[in-house]
Protein backbone atom coordinates (compact mmCIF):
# COMPACT_ATOMS: atom_id res chain seq x y z
CA MET A 1 81.29 66.44 33.34
CA SER A 2 82.03 62.72 33.71
CA PHE A 3 83.97 60.69 31.17
CA ARG A 4 80.73 58.91 30.18
CA ASP A 5 79.01 62.26 29.56
CA THR A 6 81.96 63.41 27.45
CA MET A 7 81.84 60.21 25.39
CA ASN A 8 78.06 60.57 24.92
CA GLU A 9 78.60 64.10 23.64
CA VAL A 10 81.26 62.87 21.19
CA ALA A 11 78.97 60.03 20.05
CA ASP A 12 76.12 62.50 19.52
CA GLN A 13 78.32 64.77 17.40
CA LEU A 14 79.59 61.88 15.28
CA ARG A 15 76.05 60.55 14.76
CA GLY A 16 75.02 64.01 13.59
CA LEU A 17 77.47 63.82 10.71
CA ALA A 18 75.36 61.15 8.95
CA SER A 19 72.40 63.56 8.89
CA LEU A 20 74.24 66.43 7.22
CA PRO A 21 72.76 67.40 3.83
CA GLU A 22 76.09 66.73 2.12
CA ILE A 23 76.20 63.18 3.47
CA ASP A 24 72.45 62.39 3.82
CA GLU A 25 72.89 58.85 5.18
CA ARG A 26 69.85 59.14 7.47
CA PRO A 27 66.94 60.32 5.30
CA ILE A 28 64.17 59.07 7.61
CA SER A 29 63.03 61.44 10.34
CA VAL A 30 61.63 60.14 13.63
CA THR A 31 59.18 62.26 15.60
CA LEU A 32 57.86 61.23 18.99
CA ARG A 33 54.27 62.49 19.12
CA LYS A 34 52.28 62.67 22.35
CA VAL A 35 48.60 62.85 21.35
CA THR A 36 46.04 64.11 23.87
CA TRP A 37 42.43 63.41 22.90
CA ALA A 38 40.01 66.19 23.94
CA ALA A 39 37.20 63.76 24.82
CA GLY A 40 39.39 61.97 27.35
CA ARG A 41 39.78 58.65 25.57
CA VAL A 42 41.86 57.54 22.63
CA GLY A 43 39.97 57.58 19.34
CA ALA A 44 37.03 59.62 20.62
CA ASP A 45 35.54 62.51 18.67
CA GLY A 46 36.44 66.00 19.76
CA GLY A 47 39.88 66.61 18.34
CA THR A 48 43.42 66.16 19.52
CA THR A 49 46.40 68.15 20.69
CA ASN A 50 49.83 67.01 19.52
CA GLU A 51 53.14 67.54 21.27
CA ASP A 52 56.03 66.67 18.90
CA LEU A 53 59.68 65.93 19.59
CA GLU A 54 61.91 65.21 16.58
CA LEU A 55 64.83 62.95 17.46
CA LEU A 56 68.03 64.76 16.52
CA PRO A 57 70.53 63.90 15.26
CA ARG A 58 68.51 61.58 13.09
CA PRO A 59 69.01 57.98 14.23
CA ARG A 60 69.48 55.04 11.91
CA VAL A 61 66.16 53.39 10.99
CA ARG A 62 65.86 49.87 9.62
CA GLU A 63 63.50 46.90 9.70
CA VAL A 64 64.39 44.24 12.25
CA SER A 65 66.15 41.23 10.76
CA GLN A 66 64.80 37.70 10.59
CA GLN A 67 67.45 36.70 13.11
CA GLU A 68 66.23 39.37 15.56
CA ILE A 69 62.63 38.20 15.08
CA ALA A 70 63.59 34.56 15.67
CA SER A 71 65.62 35.35 18.79
CA SER A 72 63.01 37.71 20.29
CA GLY A 73 60.81 34.93 21.63
CA GLY A 74 57.76 36.24 19.78
CA ARG A 75 58.20 39.85 20.83
CA TYR A 76 59.12 41.15 17.36
CA GLU A 77 57.25 40.64 14.10
CA ALA A 78 58.06 41.09 10.43
CA GLY A 79 57.74 44.79 9.63
CA ASP A 80 58.89 46.00 13.05
CA VAL A 81 61.43 48.81 12.86
CA ARG A 82 64.60 49.36 14.90
CA ILE A 83 65.55 52.98 15.62
CA GLY A 84 69.00 53.81 16.89
CA PRO A 85 71.58 54.28 18.10
CA ILE A 86 70.15 57.17 20.10
CA THR A 87 72.54 58.95 22.43
CA PRO A 88 71.69 58.75 26.15
CA GLU A 89 71.18 62.01 27.99
CA TYR A 90 74.22 64.10 28.87
CA PRO A 91 74.53 67.78 29.88
CA GLY A 92 73.51 69.66 26.75
CA GLY A 93 71.90 66.86 24.73
CA GLY A 94 70.83 63.28 24.27
CA TYR A 95 67.64 61.61 25.49
CA SER A 96 66.57 60.01 28.75
CA PRO A 97 64.55 56.76 28.72
CA GLU A 98 61.61 58.79 30.07
CA ARG A 99 61.72 61.12 27.04
CA LEU A 100 62.01 58.26 24.55
CA ALA A 101 59.26 56.16 26.14
CA PRO A 102 57.04 58.47 28.21
CA ALA A 103 54.79 56.81 30.75
CA ILE A 104 51.08 57.25 30.07
CA THR A 105 49.45 58.27 33.35
CA THR A 106 46.15 59.71 32.11
CA ASN A 107 43.30 58.48 29.96
CA GLY A 108 43.06 59.92 26.49
CA VAL A 109 46.80 60.14 25.87
CA GLU A 110 48.86 58.02 23.48
CA VAL A 111 52.45 58.09 22.30
CA LEU A 112 53.20 57.55 18.61
CA TYR A 113 56.46 57.45 16.68
CA VAL A 114 55.95 59.14 13.31
CA LEU A 115 58.43 58.09 10.62
CA SER A 116 58.92 59.76 7.24
CA GLY A 117 60.34 58.44 3.99
CA ALA A 118 60.06 54.94 2.52
CA ILE A 119 58.51 53.49 5.69
CA ALA A 120 56.37 56.52 6.56
CA GLY A 121 53.61 55.98 9.06
CA GLU A 122 52.62 55.95 12.68
CA TYR A 123 54.20 53.38 14.97
CA LYS A 124 53.86 52.30 18.61
CA ARG A 125 56.70 51.23 20.85
CA VAL A 126 57.41 47.53 21.28
CA ALA A 127 60.67 47.88 23.20
CA LEU A 128 63.22 50.36 24.46
CA HIS A 129 66.72 48.95 24.93
CA THR A 130 68.85 50.94 27.37
CA ASP A 131 71.42 48.27 28.19
CA ARG A 132 74.31 49.98 26.38
CA VAL A 133 76.23 52.85 27.93
CA HIS A 134 76.39 55.08 24.83
CA SER A 135 73.45 53.83 22.74
CA TYR A 136 69.71 53.39 23.21
CA PHE A 137 67.51 51.58 20.68
CA LEU A 138 63.75 51.63 20.09
CA VAL A 139 61.75 48.93 18.36
CA VAL A 140 58.40 50.11 17.02
CA ARG A 141 55.47 48.52 15.17
CA ARG A 142 53.35 50.19 12.48
CA THR A 143 49.81 51.15 13.47
CA ARG A 144 48.91 53.14 10.37
CA SER A 145 50.53 53.94 7.05
CA THR A 146 50.78 57.44 5.73
CA PRO A 147 49.63 57.74 2.12
């Protein structure tokens, strides 16, 4: 195992501490949901099949700041949510960019990020930042609120 992999494993373990029930610093769960529509196009009648992947340990979730919106060049909007840090893939854990932001190669498939808690709802990816060695970040935008 490389030094980077070892450090990613350590980072993953430390991030997991914030999700422990005794500490409970990360109450919002993030689930990546791949939705396949039976009729072959998104939104069509005929039902759906969901494939869920809960991001563990739970990453930090917060709304993007006004400064981030201003410096994004119009990419981010008020209400967008930043998810992370998420540990990059290492032997035994973490996530690859392909798992966090799967490519859609067929019609009738969409990827949603389902958040629980105070900002519960369905979100779509705006950006995936993979420029840090030990931390990935997602920025998502709400598509639908959960009652």
